[in-house]
Amino acid sequence: MHVLHVSDLCHLDASFGTERYQHDLVVESGRHGVRGTLLWLAARAVASPPGAAVRVVPLTTPSLDRLRGEVDGLLAADPPTLLHFHSCGRAESVVAQLARQRRIPAVFTYHSPATLCPTGSLLRWGAVVCDGALRAWRCGACTRVEFLRAVPRALHWQRLRQWSAATASIEIGEPESLRQRGRAARAFLASCDRVLVHGAATRRVPLANGVRPEAVTVCPPGVSAAFADAAPARVAPAESEPFVVGYVGRLDRLKGLGVLVDAFMRTTWPAARLRIAGVTAAQRHGAGYAQRVMARARRDPRIGFGGE
């Protein structure tokens, strides 16, 4: 069996995230006799690394015609048993259509809200849970609100209006750009035989974008049965025994770090501890988010930081 994984994210040298997941999936599947290859739809020209099961297709403009030719040749020369998509876009739509023409089944794993949501949060206006349907004008307005959230409060209103006008030409906020993105996403999803979501709560997103209910499967992430069976039985700790909650991940609003810190600070149990270890990535939704959360958390001596 040969599975061709398709993604616009590369797993090379990654230690976490979807990129690392793709790497581990290819490696672990290989141990069970499933050959895996990653087709990396790169945003720039990158040489295929020696010895790695990665085929790089650079998406320099204009790219879709060349992509169509390269991928069609790849599918003809080494036909996969299955295509597994890890990202969604115009390029992925082209690949999925080529696979359908060759009757190669395709599945798509919906890893993250950012895959379809322009703001990456699935929160309309940053506060209301969204159905996830890509609608040009609504998504454009919501995106503009997210841009405005990044403006410091102390900024003068006149400068704020000027800055807002300057962002009017930002591509992601333009309805036509979002209209094209929505069409590409719906065409891609329609070409997939199965869409996998990690939780029942996100099942609504592919459904809102035209996927048939029977084509959506909830596939929760988990650990091996051996790991679960080996976990020691826990009893309620004594009042004096420390109970440690750990956070490992990106220090980002979308990961819920602020919610975790605020909830922990409301607890009154003196033996409770919170330990945070994470990576401070470029903040998409406002500079300094991690620093603000950390500053707030330092008011509680029970919260500690373990570095990156």
Protein backbone atom coordinates (compact mmCIF):
# COMPACT_ATOMS: atom_id res chain seq x y z
CA MET A 1 0.00 0.00 0.00
CA HIS A 2 1.29 3.45 -0.92
CA VAL A 3 -0.13 6.60 0.69
CA LEU A 4 0.73 9.95 -0.85
CA HIS A 5 0.41 12.70 1.76
CA VAL A 6 -0.22 16.17 0.32
CA SER A 7 0.47 19.31 2.33
CA ASP A 8 1.62 22.91 2.10
CA LEU A 9 3.48 22.38 5.39
CA CYS A 10 6.83 20.62 5.46
CA HIS A 11 7.79 18.32 8.32
CA LEU A 12 11.57 18.75 7.93
CA ASP A 13 13.29 19.57 11.25
CA ALA A 14 9.92 20.26 12.93
CA SER A 15 9.57 19.20 16.57
CA PHE A 16 5.83 19.84 16.99
CA GLY A 17 2.62 20.69 15.17
CA THR A 18 1.04 19.27 12.04
CA GLU A 19 4.46 19.15 10.37
CA ARG A 20 5.78 16.75 13.02
CA TYR A 21 2.55 14.74 12.90
CA GLN A 22 3.00 14.20 9.16
CA HIS A 23 6.56 13.01 9.70
CA ASP A 24 5.58 10.58 12.44
CA LEU A 25 2.62 9.30 10.42
CA VAL A 26 4.87 8.43 7.47
CA VAL A 27 7.46 6.77 9.72
CA GLU A 28 5.01 4.79 11.85
CA SER A 29 2.95 3.66 8.86
CA GLY A 30 6.15 2.38 7.25
CA ARG A 31 6.69 0.09 10.22
CA HIS A 32 3.35 -1.51 9.41
CA GLY A 33 4.17 -2.05 5.75
CA VAL A 34 2.53 1.11 4.39
CA ARG A 35 4.83 3.14 2.18
CA GLY A 36 4.36 6.86 2.65
CA THR A 37 5.49 9.84 0.58
CA LEU A 38 4.88 13.52 1.29
CA LEU A 39 4.09 15.82 -1.62
CA TRP A 40 5.09 19.23 -0.29
CA LEU A 41 3.37 22.12 -2.05
CA ALA A 42 6.08 24.62 -1.23
CA ALA A 43 5.53 28.37 -1.39
CA ARG A 44 9.09 28.76 -2.65
CA ALA A 45 11.63 26.75 -4.60
CA VAL A 46 13.20 24.21 -2.25
CA ALA A 47 15.35 21.25 -3.22
CA SER A 48 14.04 17.82 -2.25
CA PRO A 49 16.22 16.70 0.69
CA PRO A 50 18.32 13.58 0.02
CA GLY A 51 17.08 10.40 1.65
CA ALA A 52 13.74 11.85 2.75
CA ALA A 53 10.41 10.63 1.41
CA VAL A 54 9.50 14.12 0.27
CA ARG A 55 8.68 15.37 -3.22
CA VAL A 56 8.77 19.17 -3.41
CA VAL A 57 6.61 21.06 -5.90
CA PRO A 58 7.37 24.81 -5.70
CA LEU A 59 4.32 26.99 -6.21
CA THR A 60 5.87 30.00 -7.85
CA THR A 61 3.53 32.13 -9.97
CA PRO A 62 2.13 31.08 -12.37
CA SER A 63 2.08 27.61 -10.88
CA LEU A 64 -1.19 25.73 -11.21
CA ASP A 65 -0.64 24.60 -14.84
CA ARG A 66 2.84 23.36 -14.02
CA LEU A 67 1.54 21.77 -10.83
CA ARG A 68 -1.13 19.95 -12.82
CA GLY A 69 1.48 18.55 -15.20
CA GLU A 70 3.94 17.53 -12.48
CA VAL A 71 1.37 15.87 -10.27
CA ASP A 72 -0.32 14.07 -13.16
CA GLY A 73 3.07 12.65 -14.13
CA LEU A 74 3.75 11.66 -10.53
CA LEU A 75 0.40 9.87 -10.20
CA ALA A 76 0.99 8.04 -13.48
CA ALA A 77 4.56 6.96 -12.68
CA ASP A 78 3.93 5.80 -9.11
CA PRO A 79 0.16 5.55 -8.50
CA PRO A 80 -0.68 5.76 -4.79
CA THR A 81 -3.36 3.60 -3.21
CA LEU A 82 -4.66 6.63 -1.33
CA LEU A 83 -4.16 10.40 -1.15
CA HIS A 84 -4.15 11.95 2.31
CA PHE A 85 -4.45 15.76 2.34
CA HIS A 86 -3.29 17.79 5.34
CA SER A 87 -4.02 21.27 3.94
CA CYS A 88 -6.68 22.87 1.81
CA GLY A 89 -6.39 25.39 -1.01
CA ARG A 90 -6.33 25.94 -4.78
CA ALA A 91 -3.31 23.71 -5.30
CA GLU A 92 -4.84 20.91 -3.22
CA SER A 93 -8.03 21.23 -5.26
CA VAL A 94 -6.03 20.63 -8.47
CA VAL A 95 -4.36 17.54 -6.99
CA ALA A 96 -7.69 16.17 -5.72
CA GLN A 97 -9.32 16.58 -9.13
CA LEU A 98 -6.42 14.74 -10.80
CA ALA A 99 -6.78 11.92 -8.26
CA ARG A 100 -10.50 11.67 -8.91
CA GLN A 101 -9.87 11.42 -12.66
CA ARG A 102 -7.58 8.45 -11.95
CA ARG A 103 -10.07 6.98 -9.45
CA ILE A 104 -7.62 7.29 -6.57
CA PRO A 105 -9.53 7.75 -3.28
CA ALA A 106 -8.70 10.85 -1.26
CA VAL A 107 -9.17 11.79 2.37
CA PHE A 108 -8.62 15.16 4.06
CA THR A 109 -7.76 15.65 7.72
CA TYR A 110 -9.06 18.96 9.06
CA HIS A 111 -6.23 19.68 11.49
CA SER A 112 -6.83 23.27 12.46
CA PRO A 113 -9.39 26.08 12.21
CA ALA A 114 -6.76 28.05 10.26
CA THR A 115 -7.13 25.55 7.41
CA LEU A 116 -10.45 27.13 6.40
CA CYS A 117 -11.05 30.13 8.69
CA PRO A 118 -9.27 33.32 7.47
CA THR A 119 -8.69 34.47 11.07
CA GLY A 120 -7.73 31.01 12.27
CA SER A 121 -10.04 31.17 15.28
CA LEU A 122 -13.54 30.04 14.17
CA LEU A 123 -14.78 32.94 16.29
CA ARG A 124 -16.89 35.53 14.49
CA TRP A 125 -15.82 39.02 15.58
CA GLY A 126 -13.42 37.23 17.91
CA ALA A 127 -16.22 36.28 20.30
CA VAL A 128 -19.09 34.29 18.72
CA VAL A 129 -18.65 30.63 17.73
CA CYS A 130 -18.86 30.52 13.92
CA ASP A 131 -20.35 27.77 11.76
CA GLY A 132 -17.19 27.90 9.61
CA ALA A 133 -18.92 28.56 6.28
CA LEU A 134 -16.66 30.53 3.95
CA ARG A 135 -18.73 33.57 2.93
CA ALA A 136 -16.80 36.38 1.28
CA TRP A 137 -18.37 39.48 2.81
CA ARG A 138 -18.88 38.04 6.28
CA CYS A 139 -15.35 36.59 6.43
CA GLY A 140 -13.94 39.85 5.05
CA ALA A 141 -15.64 41.92 7.75
CA CYS A 142 -14.57 39.49 10.46
CA THR A 143 -10.98 39.54 9.22
CA ARG A 144 -10.93 43.34 9.31
CA VAL A 145 -12.09 43.24 12.93
CA GLU A 146 -9.19 40.92 13.77
CA PHE A 147 -6.75 43.37 12.13
CA LEU A 148 -8.20 46.22 14.17
CA ARG A 149 -7.74 44.22 17.37
CA ALA A 150 -4.00 44.42 16.81
CA VAL A 151 -4.05 48.25 17.00
CA PRO A 152 -2.84 49.52 20.40
CA ARG A 153 -5.60 51.16 22.43
CA ALA A 154 -3.54 54.29 22.87
CA LEU A 155 -3.51 54.92 19.13
CA HIS A 156 -5.26 58.16 18.26
CA TRP A 157 -8.63 57.68 16.53
CA GLN A 158 -7.55 59.69 13.51
CA ARG A 159 -4.54 57.47 13.04
CA LEU A 160 -6.77 54.45 13.63
CA ARG A 161 -9.06 55.51 10.76
CA GLN A 162 -6.05 56.08 8.51
CA TRP A 163 -4.61 52.70 9.44
CA SER A 164 -7.96 51.01 8.84
CA ALA A 165 -8.18 52.58 5.38
CA ALA A 166 -4.65 51.41 4.63
CA THR A 167 -5.62 47.80 5.42
CA ALA A 168 -8.56 47.90 2.99
CA SER A 169 -6.38 46.52 0.20
CA ILE A 170 -4.99 43.61 2.27
CA GLU A 171 -5.71 40.57 0.13
CA ILE A 172 -7.11 38.31 2.82
CA GLY A 173 -9.77 40.86 3.68
CA GLU A 174 -10.94 41.46 0.12
CA PRO A 175 -14.29 39.78 -0.67
CA GLU A 176 -13.12 38.72 -4.14
CA SER A 177 -10.06 37.01 -2.69
CA LEU A 178 -12.22 35.29 -0.10
CA ARG A 179 -14.77 34.38 -2.77
CA GLN A 180 -12.05 32.60 -4.74
CA ARG A 181 -10.79 30.94 -1.59
CA GLY A 182 -14.28 29.72 -0.75
CA ARG A 183 -14.84 28.32 -4.25
CA ALA A 184 -11.50 26.50 -4.17
CA ALA A 185 -12.16 25.08 -0.70
CA ARG A 186 -15.63 23.81 -1.60
CA ALA A 187 -14.36 22.26 -4.85
CA PHE A 188 -11.56 20.58 -2.92
CA LEU A 189 -13.84 19.24 -0.19
CA ALA A 190 -16.27 17.92 -2.80
CA SER A 191 -13.41 15.98 -4.42
CA CYS A 192 -12.54 14.16 -1.19
CA ASP A 193 -14.12 10.81 -0.42
CA ARG A 194 -13.75 11.32 3.31
CA VAL A 195 -13.13 14.28 5.62
CA LEU A 196 -11.64 13.52 9.03
CA VAL A 197 -12.17 15.89 11.98
CA HIS A 198 -10.55 15.57 15.40
CA GLY A 199 -13.67 16.31 17.44
CA ALA A 200 -17.44 16.37 17.17
CA ALA A 201 -17.47 20.15 17.71
CA THR A 202 -15.60 20.83 14.45
CA ARG A 203 -17.77 18.48 12.39
CA ARG A 204 -19.97 21.49 11.61
CA VAL A 205 -17.23 23.18 9.55
CA PRO A 206 -17.02 20.78 6.57
CA LEU A 207 -20.82 20.39 6.69
CA ALA A 208 -21.22 24.18 6.44
CA ASN A 209 -19.01 24.11 3.34
CA GLY A 210 -21.03 21.52 1.45
CA VAL A 211 -19.59 18.17 2.54
CA ARG A 212 -22.11 15.33 2.74
CA PRO A 213 -22.77 14.24 6.38
CA GLU A 214 -21.90 10.61 5.58
CA ALA A 215 -18.48 11.70 4.30
CA VAL A 216 -17.43 13.27 7.62
CA THR A 217 -15.76 11.01 10.20
CA VAL A 218 -14.79 12.02 13.73
CA CYS A 219 -11.29 10.63 14.32
CA PRO A 220 -10.11 11.90 17.72
CA PRO A 221 -6.38 12.09 18.39
CA GLY A 222 -5.24 9.78 21.13
CA VAL A 223 -2.49 7.69 22.60
CA SER A 224 -1.73 4.01 22.19
CA ALA A 225 -3.69 1.46 24.19
CA ALA A 226 -0.42 0.33 25.78
CA PHE A 227 0.22 3.83 27.09
CA ALA A 228 -3.30 4.10 28.51
CA ASP A 229 -3.12 0.65 30.13
CA ALA A 230 0.23 1.46 31.72
CA ALA A 231 -1.04 4.65 33.35
CA PRO A 232 -1.22 4.18 37.12
CA ALA A 233 -4.61 4.40 38.76
CA ARG A 234 -5.01 7.82 40.37
CA VAL A 235 -6.70 8.46 43.67
CA ALA A 236 -7.75 11.82 44.99
CA PRO A 237 -4.53 13.48 46.28
CA ALA A 238 -4.18 14.60 49.83
CA GLU A 239 -4.73 18.27 50.49
CA SER A 240 -1.01 18.82 50.97
CA GLU A 241 0.05 16.83 47.89
CA PRO A 242 0.94 18.98 44.87
CA PHE A 243 -1.33 18.48 41.87
CA VAL A 244 0.46 19.74 38.78
CA VAL A 245 -1.23 20.81 35.56
CA GLY A 246 1.17 21.05 32.61
CA TYR A 247 0.88 23.07 29.40
CA VAL A 248 3.17 22.24 26.49
CA GLY A 249 2.62 24.03 23.19
CA ARG A 250 2.58 27.30 21.33
CA LEU A 251 2.04 30.39 23.49
CA ASP A 252 -0.84 31.63 21.38
CA ARG A 253 -4.38 32.87 22.00
CA LEU A 254 -5.82 30.22 19.70
CA LYS A 255 -4.35 27.50 21.91
CA GLY A 256 -6.31 28.74 24.91
CA LEU A 257 -3.34 29.62 27.10
CA GLY A 258 -5.03 32.72 28.51
CA VAL A 259 -8.18 30.74 29.33
CA LEU A 260 -6.10 28.13 31.15
CA VAL A 261 -4.18 30.74 33.15
CA ASP A 262 -7.33 32.68 34.11
CA ALA A 263 -9.14 29.49 35.14
CA PHE A 264 -6.19 28.29 37.21
CA MET A 265 -5.88 31.63 39.01
CA ARG A 266 -9.49 31.24 40.16
CA THR A 267 -8.67 28.05 42.04
CA THR A 268 -8.02 28.30 45.77
CA TRP A 269 -6.23 24.99 46.34
CA PRO A 270 -2.79 25.96 47.67
CA ALA A 271 -1.19 22.67 46.53
CA ALA A 272 -2.24 23.16 42.87
CA ARG A 273 0.54 24.00 40.43
CA LEU A 274 0.61 25.09 36.79
CA ARG A 275 3.75 24.58 34.71
CA ILE A 276 4.00 26.21 31.28
CA ALA A 277 6.51 25.31 28.58
CA GLY A 278 6.01 26.63 25.07
CA VAL A 279 7.21 28.33 21.97
CA THR A 280 6.54 32.02 21.37
CA ALA A 281 5.65 32.17 17.69
CA ALA A 282 4.95 35.29 15.67
CA GLN A 283 1.66 36.50 17.03
CA ARG A 284 -0.93 36.70 14.29
CA HIS A 285 -3.64 38.23 16.46
CA GLY A 286 -1.73 41.00 18.18
CA ALA A 287 1.86 41.40 19.25
CA GLY A 288 2.69 40.67 22.85
CA TYR A 289 -0.15 38.25 23.67
CA ALA A 290 2.19 35.74 25.30
CA GLN A 291 3.96 38.48 27.25
CA ARG A 292 0.64 39.82 28.58
CA VAL A 293 -0.51 36.38 29.70
CA MET A 294 2.85 35.67 31.32
CA ALA A 295 2.81 38.98 33.17
CA ARG A 296 -0.66 38.19 34.51
CA ALA A 297 0.38 34.66 35.48
CA ARG A 298 3.41 35.86 37.44
CA ARG A 299 1.05 37.34 40.02
CA ASP A 300 0.29 33.77 41.12
CA PRO A 301 3.34 32.08 42.74
CA ARG A 302 1.85 28.64 41.98
CA ILE A 303 2.45 29.17 38.24
CA GLY A 304 5.90 28.39 36.89
CA PHE A 305 7.56 28.62 33.48
CA GLY A 306 9.81 25.97 32.00
CA GLY A 307 11.16 27.84 29.00
CA GLU A 308 10.82 26.67 25.42
